[in-house]
C-alpha atoms as a PDB file:
ATOM      1  CA  MET A   1      48.032  36.162-138.717  1.00  0.00           C
ATOM      2  CA  ASP A   2      45.889  33.676-140.533  1.00  0.00           C
ATOM      3  CA  GLY A   3      42.862  35.552-141.072  1.00  0.00           C
ATOM      4  CA  GLY A   4      41.228  35.276-137.376  1.00  0.00           C
ATOM      5  CA  LEU A   5      39.667  33.357-135.218  1.00  0.00           C
ATOM      6  CA  THR A   6      36.435  31.885-136.469  1.00  0.00           C
ATOM      7  CA  VAL A   7      33.122  33.226-135.062  1.00  0.00           C
ATOM      8  CA  THR A   8      33.163  30.168-132.630  1.00  0.00           C
ATOM      9  CA  GLU A   9      36.661  30.573-131.438  1.00  0.00           C
ATOM     10  CA  ALA A  10      35.919  34.124-130.662  1.00  0.00           C
ATOM     11  CA  LEU A  11      32.777  33.446-128.690  1.00  0.00           C
ATOM     12  CA  ASN A  12      34.687  30.877-126.636  1.00  0.00           C
ATOM     13  CA  ARG A  13      37.803  32.599-126.221  1.00  0.00           C
ATOM     14  CA  GLY A  14      38.666  34.054-122.463  1.00  0.00           C
ATOM     15  CA  GLY A  15      39.915  37.551-121.863  1.00  0.00           C
ATOM     16  CA  THR A  16      39.276  41.008-123.805  1.00  0.00           C
ATOM     17  CA  GLY A  17      41.195  42.913-126.144  1.00  0.00           C
ATOM     18  CA  VAL A  18      41.342  43.633-130.217  1.00  0.00           C
ATOM     19  CA  ILE A  19      40.938  40.230-131.948  1.00  0.00           C
ATOM     20  CA  ALA A  20      40.431  39.415-135.499  1.00  0.00           C
ATOM     21  CA  VAL A  21      37.725  37.403-136.243  1.00  0.00           C
ATOM     22  CA  GLN A  22      36.921  35.982-139.931  1.00  0.00           C
ATOM     23  CA  GLY A  23      33.668  34.907-141.168  1.00  0.00           C
ATOM     24  CA  PHE A  24      31.068  35.613-143.862  1.00  0.00           C
ATOM     25  CA  LEU A  25      28.811  38.644-143.350  1.00  0.00           C
ATOM     26  CA  PHE A  26      25.058  38.220-143.442  1.00  0.00           C
ATOM     27  CA  ASP A  27      22.474  40.754-143.202  1.00  0.00           C
ATOM     28  CA  HIS A  28      18.569  39.696-142.418  1.00  0.00           C
ATOM     29  CA  GLY A  29      17.721  43.227-141.938  1.00  0.00           C
ATOM     30  CA  SER A  30      18.754  43.880-138.821  1.00  0.00           C
ATOM     31  CA  GLY A  31      22.515  44.349-139.111  1.00  0.00           C
ATOM     32  CA  PRO A  32      25.105  42.556-140.093  1.00  0.00           C
ATOM     33  CA  LYS A  33      26.567  39.389-138.237  1.00  0.00           C
ATOM     34  CA  PRO A  34      29.673  37.612-139.109  1.00  0.00           C
ATOM     35  CA  SER A  35      28.851  33.897-139.387  1.00  0.00           C
ATOM     36  CA  ASP A  36      31.071  30.538-139.483  1.00  0.00           C
ATOM     37  CA  ALA A  37      29.574  29.471-142.458  1.00  0.00           C
ATOM     38  CA  TRP A  38      26.881  30.063-145.278  1.00  0.00           C
ATOM     39  CA  ALA A  39      24.271  27.615-146.058  1.00  0.00           C
ATOM     40  CA  GLU A  40      23.530  27.859-150.048  1.00  0.00           C
ATOM     41  CA  SER A  41      19.885  27.216-149.385  1.00  0.00           C
ATOM     42  CA  PHE A  42      17.124  29.711-150.453  1.00  0.00           C
ATOM     43  CA  PRO A  43      16.699  32.215-148.708  1.00  0.00           C
ATOM     44  CA  HIS A  44      20.319  32.208-147.567  1.00  0.00           C
ATOM     45  CA  GLN A  45      21.165  31.398-143.824  1.00  0.00           C
ATOM     46  CA  CYS A  46      24.086  31.434-141.299  1.00  0.00           C
ATOM     47  CA  GLY A  47      25.879  28.158-140.932  1.00  0.00           C
ATOM     48  CA  GLY A  48      27.567  27.639-137.502  1.00  0.00           C
ATOM     49  CA  ALA A  49      28.056  30.148-134.935  1.00  0.00           C
ATOM     50  CA  SER A  50      27.316  34.104-135.608  1.00  0.00           C
ATOM     51  CA  ILE A  51      27.457  37.269-133.309  1.00  0.00           C
ATOM     52  CA  PRO A  52      25.779  40.850-134.055  1.00  0.00           C
ATOM     53  CA  ILE A  53      28.022  43.617-135.088  1.00  0.00           C
ATOM     54  CA  SER A  54      28.499  46.866-133.707  1.00  0.00           C
ATOM     55  CA  GLY A  55      30.274  49.708-135.219  1.00  0.00           C
ATOM     56  CA  GLN A  56      30.912  50.398-139.184  1.00  0.00           C
ATOM     57  CA  VAL A  57      32.137  47.400-141.557  1.00  0.00           C
ATOM     58  CA  GLY A  58      33.625  49.873-144.251  1.00  0.00           C
ATOM     59  CA  SER A  59      32.432  48.970-147.726  1.00  0.00           C
ATOM     60  CA  SER A  60      36.017  48.628-148.809  1.00  0.00           C
ATOM     61  CA  ASP A  61      36.302  45.560-146.481  1.00  0.00           C
ATOM     62  CA  VAL A  62      33.345  43.539-147.697  1.00  0.00           C
ATOM     63  CA  SER A  63      31.601  42.749-151.366  1.00  0.00           C
ATOM     64  CA  VAL A  64      27.770  42.231-150.136  1.00  0.00           C
ATOM     65  CA  GLY A  65      25.271  40.990-152.454  1.00  0.00           C
ATOM     66  CA  ALA A  66      21.476  40.974-152.188  1.00  0.00           C
ATOM     67  CA  ARG A  67      19.166  38.104-152.494  1.00  0.00           C
ATOM     68  CA  ALA A  68      15.793  37.556-151.292  1.00  0.00           C
ATOM     69  CA  GLY A  69      16.006  39.956-148.528  1.00  0.00           C
ATOM     70  CA  CYS A  70      19.665  38.582-147.256  1.00  0.00           C
ATOM     71  CA  HIS A  71      22.710  40.676-147.875  1.00  0.00           C
ATOM     72  CA  LEU A  72      25.834  38.529-147.933  1.00  0.00           C
ATOM     73  CA  ASP A  73      29.176  38.405-148.468  1.00  0.00           C
ATOM     74  CA  ARG A  74      30.317  34.847-150.281  1.00  0.00           C
ATOM     75  CA  SER A  75      33.911  35.464-149.290  1.00  0.00           C
ATOM     76  CA  ALA A  76      35.246  35.495-145.969  1.00  0.00           C
ATOM     77  CA  VAL A  77      35.939  38.831-144.451  1.00  0.00           C
ATOM     78  CA  THR A  78      38.249  39.797-141.510  1.00  0.00           C
ATOM     79  CA  VAL A  79      37.076  42.411-138.913  1.00  0.00           C
ATOM     80  CA  PHE A  80      38.877  43.531-135.744  1.00  0.00           C
ATOM     81  CA  GLY A  81      37.445  44.487-132.332  1.00  0.00           C
ATOM     82  CA  ASP A  82      36.265  43.258-129.068  1.00  0.00           C
ATOM     83  CA  ILE A  83      33.312  41.417-127.995  1.00  0.00           C
ATOM     84  CA  ILE A  84      31.724  43.315-125.458  1.00  0.00           C
ATOM     85  CA  ASN A  85      28.118  42.594-124.143  1.00  0.00           C
ATOM     86  CA  GLY A  86      27.377  40.097-126.771  1.00  0.00           C
ATOM     87  CA  ASN A  87      28.232  41.962-129.557  1.00  0.00           C
ATOM     88  CA  PHE A  88      31.444  42.297-131.690  1.00  0.00           C
ATOM     89  CA  VAL A  89      32.198  45.916-131.512  1.00  0.00           C
ATOM     90  CA  VAL A  90      34.191  46.965-134.541  1.00  0.00           C
ATOM     91  CA  ASP A  91      37.767  48.793-133.941  1.00  0.00           C
ATOM     92  CA  SER A  92      38.188  51.194-136.613  1.00  0.00           C
ATOM     93  CA  THR A  93      41.671  51.977-135.750  1.00  0.00           C
ATOM     94  CA  VAL A  94      43.086  48.427-136.334  1.00  0.00           C
ATOM     95  CA  SER A  95      43.804  46.721-140.023  1.00  0.00           C
ATOM     96  CA  GLY A  96      45.167  43.905-141.308  1.00  0.00           C
END
């Protein structure tokens, strides 16, 4: 596996089932969202597609920093789960 689908690829795929999605995690206070890119603006913003996450993303998986009310991971992370009702639902039983 090469790190997973981009958020755009995950949103456009057909079917159901557990997938790996790679992106940059953002949280502006309403919960984390993986995004295809992050903009080096102030405050930081998602770049490209993003999707809300339901479920726990363990602190061992991400190194999130805070700046101007935005928490972000400056390195791409891979999360495993399925898209259900417009949310990426993390499957904690799968790891890569």
